[in-house]
Amino acid sequence: MTELKEKLQAFLNKPNGLPILLTVLGVILLLFPGIALKTVVRLAGIALIIGGADAIIAWNRNRTANSSYLDVAGGAVAVIGGLFLLIKPESLINIFPTIAGILVILYGAFYFLKALASKRTGFDKWKVSMVLAVVIVILGIYVLVRPFTTMKLLVRVLGGVLIYNGLSSLWIATRPGTPNTK
């Protein structure tokens, strides 16, 4: 394991290492957003299981008068949460777009009310504001109704950003006269 870690560190320390890694990661996110999301959530679940089990084992080994059952309870909650994420990763994935969808709908409703107020005060462009507010509400509803699709789109955009970042960094790093080039 240490040898692999050392090789990875040596690769990342090369001027082109990180840009290549970012580009590859971006391609993976762009092509396989659903799998990438589920994998990240499952890895978080595994980390919770390991951390929770470690807390339980540490409590069991070091039981003293100062030991608290809260330590073992916290470990148990972490293990249960980790198992839940491992078995049902979509549950966590769907929470973020749901909250975002609700917030977008609320903003749209706020702007809708502002458009109505603009109409009452005689603002000429109130209809444009009204249409924009309705579009915001519709987009919020879409995000709320299709959370996994929305999250996959967000992951794809992130993948595109990472590809751009990696390739532009690679281009910059290989130009004559920039640091780390000869």
N, C-alpha and C. Protein backbone atom coordinates (compact mmCIF):
# COMPACT_ATOMS: atom_id res chain seq x y z
N MET A 1 0.82 -1.19 0.00
CA MET A 1 0.00 0.00 0.00
C MET A 1 0.87 1.25 0.00
N THR A 2 1.93 1.25 0.76
CA THR A 2 2.81 2.42 0.82
C THR A 2 3.48 2.64 -0.54
N GLU A 3 3.82 1.56 -1.22
CA GLU A 3 4.45 1.70 -2.53
C GLU A 3 3.49 2.36 -3.52
N LEU A 4 2.23 1.96 -3.51
CA LEU A 4 1.23 2.55 -4.37
C LEU A 4 1.04 4.03 -4.04
N LYS A 5 1.01 4.34 -2.74
CA LYS A 5 0.86 5.72 -2.29
C LYS A 5 2.05 6.56 -2.75
N GLU A 6 3.25 6.01 -2.65
CA GLU A 6 4.45 6.72 -3.08
C GLU A 6 4.44 6.97 -4.58
N LYS A 7 3.99 5.97 -5.37
CA LYS A 7 3.92 6.13 -6.82
C LYS A 7 2.89 7.20 -7.20
N LEU A 8 1.76 7.19 -6.51
CA LEU A 8 0.75 8.19 -6.77
C LEU A 8 1.26 9.58 -6.43
N GLN A 9 1.92 9.71 -5.29
CA GLN A 9 2.48 11.00 -4.87
C GLN A 9 3.53 11.48 -5.87
N ALA A 10 4.38 10.57 -6.35
CA ALA A 10 5.40 10.94 -7.33
C ALA A 10 4.74 11.40 -8.64
N PHE A 11 3.66 10.71 -9.04
CA PHE A 11 2.94 11.08 -10.26
C PHE A 11 2.31 12.47 -10.10
N LEU A 12 1.68 12.71 -8.97
CA LEU A 12 1.02 14.00 -8.74
C LEU A 12 2.02 15.15 -8.61
N ASN A 13 3.25 14.85 -8.19
CA ASN A 13 4.28 15.89 -8.05
C ASN A 13 4.87 16.30 -9.39
N LYS A 14 4.66 15.49 -10.44
CA LYS A 14 5.12 15.87 -11.77
C LYS A 14 4.25 17.02 -12.27
N PRO A 15 4.82 17.90 -13.10
CA PRO A 15 4.05 19.05 -13.59
C PRO A 15 2.75 18.64 -14.31
N ASN A 16 2.76 17.51 -15.00
CA ASN A 16 1.59 17.08 -15.75
C ASN A 16 0.72 16.09 -14.99
N GLY A 17 1.13 15.68 -13.80
CA GLY A 17 0.42 14.64 -13.07
C GLY A 17 -1.00 15.01 -12.69
N LEU A 18 -1.16 16.11 -11.98
CA LEU A 18 -2.49 16.53 -11.53
C LEU A 18 -3.40 16.88 -12.71
N PRO A 19 -2.93 17.63 -13.72
CA PRO A 19 -3.81 17.90 -14.86
C PRO A 19 -4.30 16.62 -15.56
N ILE A 20 -3.45 15.62 -15.69
CA ILE A 20 -3.86 14.36 -16.31
C ILE A 20 -4.91 13.67 -15.43
N LEU A 21 -4.66 13.64 -14.11
CA LEU A 21 -5.61 13.03 -13.19
C LEU A 21 -6.96 13.74 -13.23
N LEU A 22 -6.96 15.08 -13.25
CA LEU A 22 -8.20 15.85 -13.33
C LEU A 22 -8.95 15.56 -14.63
N THR A 23 -8.22 15.46 -15.73
CA THR A 23 -8.85 15.18 -17.02
C THR A 23 -9.50 13.80 -17.02
N VAL A 24 -8.79 12.80 -16.52
CA VAL A 24 -9.34 11.44 -16.45
C VAL A 24 -10.57 11.40 -15.55
N LEU A 25 -10.48 12.04 -14.39
CA LEU A 25 -11.62 12.09 -13.47
C LEU A 25 -12.80 12.79 -14.14
N GLY A 26 -12.54 13.87 -14.86
CA GLY A 26 -13.59 14.58 -15.58
C GLY A 26 -14.28 13.72 -16.62
N VAL A 27 -13.49 12.94 -17.36
CA VAL A 27 -14.06 12.04 -18.37
C VAL A 27 -14.96 10.99 -17.69
N ILE A 28 -14.50 10.45 -16.58
CA ILE A 28 -15.31 9.46 -15.85
C ILE A 28 -16.63 10.09 -15.38
N LEU A 29 -16.56 11.29 -14.81
CA LEU A 29 -17.77 11.96 -14.34
C LEU A 29 -18.70 12.30 -15.50
N LEU A 30 -18.14 12.68 -16.62
CA LEU A 30 -18.94 13.05 -17.78
C LEU A 30 -19.64 11.83 -18.39
N LEU A 31 -18.92 10.73 -18.50
CA LEU A 31 -19.48 9.54 -19.14
C LEU A 31 -20.32 8.67 -18.21
N PHE A 32 -19.99 8.64 -16.94
CA PHE A 32 -20.67 7.74 -16.00
C PHE A 32 -21.13 8.49 -14.74
N PRO A 33 -21.99 9.51 -14.88
CA PRO A 33 -22.34 10.31 -13.71
C PRO A 33 -23.08 9.53 -12.62
N GLY A 34 -23.99 8.66 -13.03
CA GLY A 34 -24.75 7.90 -12.03
C GLY A 34 -23.87 6.95 -11.24
N ILE A 35 -23.01 6.24 -11.94
CA ILE A 35 -22.10 5.29 -11.28
C ILE A 35 -21.13 6.05 -10.38
N ALA A 36 -20.62 7.20 -10.87
CA ALA A 36 -19.68 7.98 -10.07
C ALA A 36 -20.34 8.48 -8.78
N LEU A 37 -21.56 8.99 -8.89
CA LEU A 37 -22.28 9.46 -7.70
C LEU A 37 -22.48 8.34 -6.69
N LYS A 38 -22.99 7.22 -7.18
CA LYS A 38 -23.27 6.09 -6.29
C LYS A 38 -21.98 5.59 -5.65
N THR A 39 -20.90 5.58 -6.41
CA THR A 39 -19.62 5.12 -5.87
C THR A 39 -19.14 6.02 -4.74
N VAL A 40 -19.24 7.33 -4.94
CA VAL A 40 -18.80 8.27 -3.90
C VAL A 40 -19.64 8.09 -2.64
N VAL A 41 -20.96 7.96 -2.81
CA VAL A 41 -21.83 7.79 -1.64
C VAL A 41 -21.54 6.46 -0.95
N ARG A 42 -21.32 5.41 -1.72
CA ARG A 42 -21.01 4.10 -1.11
C ARG A 42 -19.67 4.14 -0.38
N LEU A 43 -18.69 4.85 -0.94
CA LEU A 43 -17.41 5.00 -0.24
C LEU A 43 -17.59 5.75 1.07
N ALA A 44 -18.47 6.76 1.06
CA ALA A 44 -18.78 7.46 2.31
C ALA A 44 -19.44 6.51 3.30
N GLY A 45 -20.30 5.62 2.80
CA GLY A 45 -20.92 4.61 3.66
C GLY A 45 -19.90 3.68 4.27
N ILE A 46 -18.95 3.25 3.47
CA ILE A 46 -17.88 2.36 3.98
C ILE A 46 -17.07 3.09 5.04
N ALA A 47 -16.76 4.36 4.79
CA ALA A 47 -16.00 5.14 5.78
C ALA A 47 -16.78 5.26 7.09
N LEU A 48 -18.09 5.47 7.00
CA LEU A 48 -18.91 5.55 8.21
C LEU A 48 -18.91 4.22 8.96
N ILE A 49 -19.02 3.12 8.23
CA ILE A 49 -19.02 1.80 8.86
C ILE A 49 -17.69 1.56 9.59
N ILE A 50 -16.59 1.87 8.92
CA ILE A 50 -15.27 1.67 9.52
C ILE A 50 -15.11 2.57 10.75
N GLY A 51 -15.48 3.84 10.61
CA GLY A 51 -15.36 4.76 11.74
C GLY A 51 -16.25 4.35 12.90
N GLY A 52 -17.47 3.93 12.61
CA GLY A 52 -18.38 3.50 13.67
C GLY A 52 -17.90 2.23 14.35
N ALA A 53 -17.43 1.28 13.57
CA ALA A 53 -16.91 0.04 14.15
C ALA A 53 -15.68 0.33 15.00
N ASP A 54 -14.84 1.22 14.53
CA ASP A 54 -13.66 1.61 15.30
C ASP A 54 -14.05 2.22 16.64
N ALA A 55 -15.07 3.08 16.64
CA ALA A 55 -15.53 3.70 17.88
C ALA A 55 -16.07 2.66 18.86
N ILE A 56 -16.80 1.68 18.34
CA ILE A 56 -17.36 0.62 19.19
C ILE A 56 -16.25 -0.24 19.77
N ILE A 57 -15.29 -0.61 18.91
CA ILE A 57 -14.17 -1.44 19.37
C ILE A 57 -13.33 -0.68 20.41
N ALA A 58 -13.04 0.59 20.13
CA ALA A 58 -12.26 1.40 21.07
C ALA A 58 -12.98 1.51 22.41
N TRP A 59 -14.28 1.70 22.41
CA TRP A 59 -15.05 1.78 23.64
C TRP A 59 -14.97 0.47 24.41
N ASN A 60 -15.09 -0.63 23.67
CA ASN A 60 -15.07 -1.95 24.30
C ASN A 60 -13.71 -2.26 24.92
N ARG A 61 -12.64 -1.86 24.26
CA ARG A 61 -11.28 -2.12 24.76
C ARG A 61 -10.93 -1.24 25.96
N ASN A 62 -11.41 -0.03 25.97
CA ASN A 62 -10.99 0.95 26.97
C ASN A 62 -12.11 1.30 27.96
N ARG A 63 -12.92 0.35 28.29
CA ARG A 63 -14.01 0.65 29.23
C ARG A 63 -13.44 1.01 30.59
N THR A 64 -13.80 2.20 31.01
CA THR A 64 -13.39 2.66 32.34
C THR A 64 -14.60 3.34 32.97
N ALA A 65 -14.38 3.89 34.13
CA ALA A 65 -15.46 4.61 34.81
C ALA A 65 -15.87 5.84 34.01
N ASN A 66 -14.94 6.38 33.20
CA ASN A 66 -15.23 7.57 32.41
C ASN A 66 -15.84 7.24 31.05
N SER A 67 -15.90 5.95 30.70
CA SER A 67 -16.46 5.56 29.41
C SER A 67 -17.95 5.88 29.38
N SER A 68 -18.38 6.31 28.22
CA SER A 68 -19.79 6.68 28.06
C SER A 68 -20.44 5.76 27.03
N TYR A 69 -21.68 5.41 27.32
CA TYR A 69 -22.44 4.62 26.35
C TYR A 69 -22.77 5.45 25.11
N LEU A 70 -22.60 6.76 25.22
CA LEU A 70 -22.81 7.62 24.05
C LEU A 70 -21.77 7.33 22.97
N ASP A 71 -20.56 6.94 23.39
CA ASP A 71 -19.52 6.61 22.41
C ASP A 71 -19.94 5.40 21.57
N VAL A 72 -20.44 4.36 22.25
CA VAL A 72 -20.86 3.17 21.54
C VAL A 72 -22.13 3.45 20.73
N ALA A 73 -23.01 4.30 21.26
CA ALA A 73 -24.23 4.65 20.53
C ALA A 73 -23.88 5.42 19.26
N GLY A 74 -22.93 6.36 19.38
CA GLY A 74 -22.49 7.10 18.20
C GLY A 74 -21.87 6.18 17.16
N GLY A 75 -21.09 5.22 17.61
CA GLY A 75 -20.51 4.25 16.68
C GLY A 75 -21.58 3.42 16.00
N ALA A 76 -22.60 3.03 16.76
CA ALA A 76 -23.69 2.22 16.20
C ALA A 76 -24.47 3.03 15.16
N VAL A 77 -24.72 4.29 15.47
CA VAL A 77 -25.43 5.15 14.52
C VAL A 77 -24.61 5.31 13.23
N ALA A 78 -23.31 5.47 13.37
CA ALA A 78 -22.44 5.59 12.19
C ALA A 78 -22.48 4.32 11.35
N VAL A 79 -22.44 3.17 12.01
CA VAL A 79 -22.48 1.89 11.28
C VAL A 79 -23.81 1.74 10.55
N ILE A 80 -24.90 2.05 11.24
CA ILE A 80 -26.23 1.94 10.61
C ILE A 80 -26.36 2.91 9.44
N GLY A 81 -25.90 4.15 9.65
CA GLY A 81 -25.93 5.13 8.57
C GLY A 81 -25.07 4.69 7.39
N GLY A 82 -23.91 4.14 7.67
CA GLY A 82 -23.03 3.64 6.61
C GLY A 82 -23.66 2.51 5.84
N LEU A 83 -24.31 1.58 6.56
CA LEU A 83 -25.00 0.48 5.88
C LEU A 83 -26.11 1.00 4.99
N PHE A 84 -26.84 2.00 5.49
CA PHE A 84 -27.92 2.60 4.70
C PHE A 84 -27.38 3.20 3.42
N LEU A 85 -26.26 3.95 3.51
CA LEU A 85 -25.67 4.55 2.32
C LEU A 85 -25.11 3.49 1.37
N LEU A 86 -24.60 2.43 1.93
CA LEU A 86 -24.06 1.35 1.12
C LEU A 86 -25.16 0.65 0.33
N ILE A 87 -26.29 0.42 0.99
CA ILE A 87 -27.39 -0.31 0.37
C ILE A 87 -28.25 0.60 -0.51
N LYS A 88 -28.47 1.83 -0.09
CA LYS A 88 -29.38 2.74 -0.80
C LYS A 88 -28.72 4.10 -1.01
N PRO A 89 -27.72 4.19 -1.89
CA PRO A 89 -27.01 5.46 -2.08
C PRO A 89 -27.89 6.56 -2.66
N GLU A 90 -28.95 6.19 -3.38
CA GLU A 90 -29.83 7.19 -3.99
C GLU A 90 -30.48 8.08 -2.93
N SER A 91 -30.63 7.55 -1.72
CA SER A 91 -31.30 8.32 -0.68
C SER A 91 -30.55 9.62 -0.39
N LEU A 92 -29.24 9.57 -0.31
CA LEU A 92 -28.45 10.77 -0.07
C LEU A 92 -28.36 11.62 -1.34
N ILE A 93 -28.23 10.96 -2.48
CA ILE A 93 -28.10 11.66 -3.75
C ILE A 93 -29.34 12.52 -4.01
N ASN A 94 -30.51 12.04 -3.63
CA ASN A 94 -31.76 12.75 -3.90
C ASN A 94 -32.01 13.91 -2.95
N ILE A 95 -31.35 13.94 -1.80
CA ILE A 95 -31.62 14.99 -0.82
C ILE A 95 -31.18 16.37 -1.35
N PHE A 96 -29.99 16.46 -1.91
CA PHE A 96 -29.45 17.75 -2.35
C PHE A 96 -30.31 18.42 -3.42
N PRO A 97 -30.67 17.72 -4.50
CA PRO A 97 -31.51 18.40 -5.49
C PRO A 97 -32.91 18.72 -4.94
N THR A 98 -33.40 17.93 -4.01
CA THR A 98 -34.71 18.21 -3.43
C THR A 98 -34.68 19.54 -2.67
N ILE A 99 -33.67 19.72 -1.87
CA ILE A 99 -33.53 20.99 -1.14
C ILE A 99 -33.34 22.14 -2.14
N ALA A 100 -32.50 21.92 -3.15
CA ALA A 100 -32.28 22.96 -4.17
C ALA A 100 -33.57 23.28 -4.91
N GLY A 101 -34.35 22.25 -5.25
CA GLY A 101 -35.62 22.46 -5.93
C GLY A 101 -36.58 23.30 -5.11
N ILE A 102 -36.67 23.01 -3.83
CA ILE A 102 -37.54 23.79 -2.94
C ILE A 102 -37.09 25.24 -2.88
N LEU A 103 -35.78 25.46 -2.75
CA LEU A 103 -35.26 26.83 -2.71
C LEU A 103 -35.53 27.58 -4.01
N VAL A 104 -35.36 26.91 -5.13
CA VAL A 104 -35.60 27.56 -6.43
C VAL A 104 -37.08 27.92 -6.56
N ILE A 105 -37.97 27.02 -6.14
CA ILE A 105 -39.42 27.33 -6.19
C ILE A 105 -39.73 28.54 -5.31
N LEU A 106 -39.15 28.57 -4.12
CA LEU A 106 -39.39 29.72 -3.22
C LEU A 106 -38.88 31.02 -3.84
N TYR A 107 -37.70 30.99 -4.46
CA TYR A 107 -37.19 32.19 -5.13
C TYR A 107 -38.12 32.60 -6.27
N GLY A 108 -38.57 31.61 -7.04
CA GLY A 108 -39.50 31.90 -8.13
C GLY A 108 -40.78 32.53 -7.63
N ALA A 109 -41.32 32.00 -6.53
CA ALA A 109 -42.54 32.57 -5.95
C ALA A 109 -42.29 34.00 -5.48
N PHE A 110 -41.13 34.23 -4.88
CA PHE A 110 -40.76 35.58 -4.43
C PHE A 110 -40.72 36.54 -5.62
N TYR A 111 -40.09 36.13 -6.71
CA TYR A 111 -40.00 36.98 -7.88
C TYR A 111 -41.37 37.16 -8.55
N PHE A 112 -42.21 36.16 -8.46
CA PHE A 112 -43.57 36.25 -8.97
C PHE A 112 -44.33 37.36 -8.22
N LEU A 113 -44.20 37.35 -6.89
CA LEU A 113 -44.84 38.39 -6.07
C LEU A 113 -44.26 39.77 -6.38
N LYS A 114 -42.95 39.83 -6.61
CA LYS A 114 -42.33 41.11 -6.99
C LYS A 114 -42.87 41.59 -8.34
N ALA A 115 -43.10 40.65 -9.27
CA ALA A 115 -43.65 41.02 -10.58
C ALA A 115 -45.06 41.58 -10.42
N LEU A 116 -45.86 40.96 -9.56
CA LEU A 116 -47.21 41.47 -9.29
C LEU A 116 -47.15 42.88 -8.69
N ALA A 117 -46.21 43.07 -7.77
CA ALA A 117 -46.05 44.40 -7.16
C ALA A 117 -45.60 45.40 -8.22
N SER A 118 -44.75 44.98 -9.14
CA SER A 118 -44.29 45.86 -10.22
C SER A 118 -45.46 46.26 -11.12
N LYS A 119 -46.36 45.33 -11.36
CA LYS A 119 -47.55 45.62 -12.18
C LYS A 119 -48.39 46.70 -11.49
N ARG A 120 -48.59 46.54 -10.17
CA ARG A 120 -49.40 47.50 -9.41
C ARG A 120 -48.79 48.90 -9.39
N THR A 121 -47.45 48.94 -9.43
CA THR A 121 -46.79 50.26 -9.39
C THR A 121 -46.60 50.86 -10.79
N GLY A 122 -47.05 50.14 -11.82
CA GLY A 122 -46.99 50.68 -13.17
C GLY A 122 -45.70 50.42 -13.91
N PHE A 123 -44.87 49.48 -13.46
CA PHE A 123 -43.62 49.15 -14.13
C PHE A 123 -43.93 48.53 -15.49
N ASP A 124 -43.34 49.09 -16.56
CA ASP A 124 -43.67 48.65 -17.92
C ASP A 124 -43.28 47.20 -18.20
N LYS A 125 -42.20 46.75 -17.65
CA LYS A 125 -41.66 45.42 -17.98
C LYS A 125 -42.10 44.33 -16.98
N TRP A 126 -43.20 44.51 -16.30
CA TRP A 126 -43.63 43.53 -15.30
C TRP A 126 -43.90 42.17 -15.92
N LYS A 127 -44.34 42.14 -17.20
CA LYS A 127 -44.66 40.86 -17.85
C LYS A 127 -43.39 40.02 -18.02
N VAL A 128 -42.29 40.66 -18.36
CA VAL A 128 -41.02 39.94 -18.49
C VAL A 128 -40.62 39.35 -17.13
N SER A 129 -40.75 40.14 -16.09
CA SER A 129 -40.45 39.64 -14.74
C SER A 129 -41.35 38.47 -14.38
N MET A 130 -42.63 38.55 -14.75
CA MET A 130 -43.58 37.48 -14.45
C MET A 130 -43.18 36.19 -15.18
N VAL A 131 -42.83 36.31 -16.45
CA VAL A 131 -42.43 35.13 -17.23
C VAL A 131 -41.17 34.50 -16.64
N LEU A 132 -40.19 35.33 -16.30
CA LEU A 132 -38.96 34.82 -15.70
C LEU A 132 -39.25 34.12 -14.38
N ALA A 133 -40.14 34.67 -13.58
CA ALA A 133 -40.49 34.05 -12.30
C ALA A 133 -41.17 32.70 -12.52
N VAL A 134 -42.06 32.62 -13.50
CA VAL A 134 -42.74 31.35 -13.79
C VAL A 134 -41.74 30.31 -14.27
N VAL A 135 -40.80 30.73 -15.11
CA VAL A 135 -39.76 29.80 -15.58
C VAL A 135 -38.94 29.29 -14.40
N ILE A 136 -38.60 30.17 -13.47
CA ILE A 136 -37.84 29.75 -12.28
C ILE A 136 -38.63 28.71 -11.49
N VAL A 137 -39.91 28.93 -11.31
CA VAL A 137 -40.75 27.98 -10.57
C VAL A 137 -40.80 26.64 -11.31
N ILE A 138 -40.97 26.67 -12.63
CA ILE A 138 -41.02 25.43 -13.42
C ILE A 138 -39.70 24.67 -13.29
N LEU A 139 -38.58 25.38 -13.37
CA LEU A 139 -37.27 24.72 -13.22
C LEU A 139 -37.14 24.11 -11.82
N GLY A 140 -37.61 24.81 -10.80
CA GLY A 140 -37.58 24.28 -9.44
C GLY A 140 -38.41 23.02 -9.31
N ILE A 141 -39.58 23.02 -9.94
CA ILE A 141 -40.44 21.82 -9.92
C ILE A 141 -39.75 20.67 -10.62
N TYR A 142 -39.10 20.96 -11.76
CA TYR A 142 -38.37 19.91 -12.48
C TYR A 142 -37.28 19.30 -11.60
N VAL A 143 -36.52 20.15 -10.93
CA VAL A 143 -35.46 19.67 -10.05
C VAL A 143 -36.06 18.83 -8.92
N LEU A 144 -37.20 19.24 -8.41
CA LEU A 144 -37.86 18.53 -7.32
C LEU A 144 -38.40 17.18 -7.78
N VAL A 145 -38.96 17.14 -8.99
CA VAL A 145 -39.56 15.90 -9.50
C VAL A 145 -38.51 14.94 -10.04
N ARG A 146 -37.41 15.44 -10.57
CA ARG A 146 -36.36 14.61 -11.19
C ARG A 146 -35.01 14.81 -10.49
N PRO A 147 -34.93 14.52 -9.19
CA PRO A 147 -33.68 14.84 -8.47
C PRO A 147 -32.47 14.08 -8.98
N PHE A 148 -32.62 12.79 -9.30
CA PHE A 148 -31.45 12.00 -9.71
C PHE A 148 -30.95 12.48 -11.07
N THR A 149 -31.87 12.80 -11.99
CA THR A 149 -31.48 13.32 -13.30
C THR A 149 -30.74 14.65 -13.15
N THR A 150 -31.26 15.50 -12.27
CA THR A 150 -30.63 16.80 -12.04
C THR A 150 -29.23 16.61 -11.46
N MET A 151 -29.09 15.70 -10.53
CA MET A 151 -27.78 15.46 -9.91
C MET A 151 -26.80 14.91 -10.95
N LYS A 152 -27.28 14.02 -11.83
CA LYS A 152 -26.41 13.48 -12.87
C LYS A 152 -25.95 14.59 -13.81
N LEU A 153 -26.85 15.53 -14.13
CA LEU A 153 -26.48 16.66 -14.97
C LEU A 153 -25.42 17.50 -14.29
N LEU A 154 -25.60 17.75 -13.02
CA LEU A 154 -24.62 18.53 -12.25
C LEU A 154 -23.26 17.83 -12.25
N VAL A 155 -23.25 16.50 -12.10
CA VAL A 155 -22.00 15.75 -12.12
C VAL A 155 -21.35 15.83 -13.50
N ARG A 156 -22.17 15.80 -14.55
CA ARG A 156 -21.62 15.93 -15.91
C ARG A 156 -20.99 17.31 -16.11
N VAL A 157 -21.66 18.34 -15.62
CA VAL A 157 -21.09 19.69 -15.73
C VAL A 157 -19.76 19.74 -14.97
N LEU A 158 -19.73 19.17 -13.77
CA LEU A 158 -18.49 19.11 -13.00
C LEU A 158 -17.42 18.35 -13.78
N GLY A 159 -17.81 17.26 -14.43
CA GLY A 159 -16.86 16.51 -15.25
C GLY A 159 -16.29 17.37 -16.37
N GLY A 160 -17.16 18.14 -17.03
CA GLY A 160 -16.70 19.04 -18.08
C GLY A 160 -15.75 20.10 -17.56
N VAL A 161 -16.06 20.63 -16.39
CA VAL A 161 -15.18 21.63 -15.77
C VAL A 161 -13.81 21.01 -15.46
N LEU A 162 -13.81 19.79 -14.92
CA LEU A 162 -12.54 19.12 -14.60
C LEU A 162 -11.73 18.83 -15.85
N ILE A 163 -12.41 18.42 -16.93
CA ILE A 163 -11.70 18.17 -18.19
C ILE A 163 -11.07 19.47 -18.69
N TYR A 164 -11.85 20.55 -18.70
CA TYR A 164 -11.32 21.84 -19.12
C TYR A 164 -10.14 22.26 -18.25
N ASN A 165 -10.31 22.13 -16.94
CA ASN A 165 -9.26 22.51 -15.99
C ASN A 165 -8.01 21.67 -16.24
N GLY A 166 -8.18 20.37 -16.38
CA GLY A 166 -7.03 19.48 -16.58
C GLY A 166 -6.31 19.78 -17.89
N LEU A 167 -7.08 19.91 -18.97
CA LEU A 167 -6.45 20.14 -20.28
C LEU A 167 -5.80 21.53 -20.36
N SER A 168 -6.48 22.54 -19.82
CA SER A 168 -5.87 23.87 -19.87
C SER A 168 -4.63 23.93 -18.98
N SER A 169 -4.66 23.27 -17.83
CA SER A 169 -3.47 23.23 -16.96
C SER A 169 -2.34 22.48 -17.64
N LEU A 170 -2.68 21.41 -18.33
CA LEU A 170 -1.68 20.63 -19.06
C LEU A 170 -1.06 21.48 -20.17
N TRP A 171 -1.89 22.22 -20.88
CA TRP A 171 -1.39 23.07 -21.95
C TRP A 171 -0.48 24.15 -21.39
N ILE A 172 -0.92 24.78 -20.30
CA ILE A 172 -0.12 25.84 -19.67
C ILE A 172 1.21 25.27 -19.16
N ALA A 173 1.16 24.10 -18.53
CA ALA A 173 2.37 23.50 -17.93
C ALA A 173 3.39 23.09 -18.99
N THR A 174 2.95 22.84 -20.22
CA THR A 174 3.88 22.37 -21.24
C THR A 174 4.35 23.50 -22.17
N ARG A 175 3.91 24.73 -21.93
CA ARG A 175 4.35 25.86 -22.75
C ARG A 175 5.76 26.27 -22.32
N PRO A 176 6.62 26.55 -23.31
CA PRO A 176 7.96 27.02 -22.97
C PRO A 176 7.90 28.32 -22.19
N GLY A 177 8.77 28.44 -21.21
CA GLY A 177 8.85 29.66 -20.43
C GLY A 177 8.00 29.65 -19.18
N THR A 178 7.14 28.62 -19.02
CA THR A 178 6.37 28.54 -17.78
C THR A 178 7.17 27.74 -16.77
N PRO A 179 6.91 27.94 -15.50
CA PRO A 179 7.65 27.17 -14.50
C PRO A 179 7.45 25.66 -14.74
N ASN A 180 8.43 24.88 -14.38
CA ASN A 180 8.42 23.42 -14.50
C ASN A 180 8.62 22.93 -15.93
N THR A 181 8.93 23.82 -16.90
CA THR A 181 9.25 23.37 -18.25
C THR A 181 10.67 23.79 -18.57
N LYS A 182 11.25 23.15 -19.54
CA LYS A 182 12.64 23.47 -19.93
C LYS A 182 12.69 23.91 -21.36
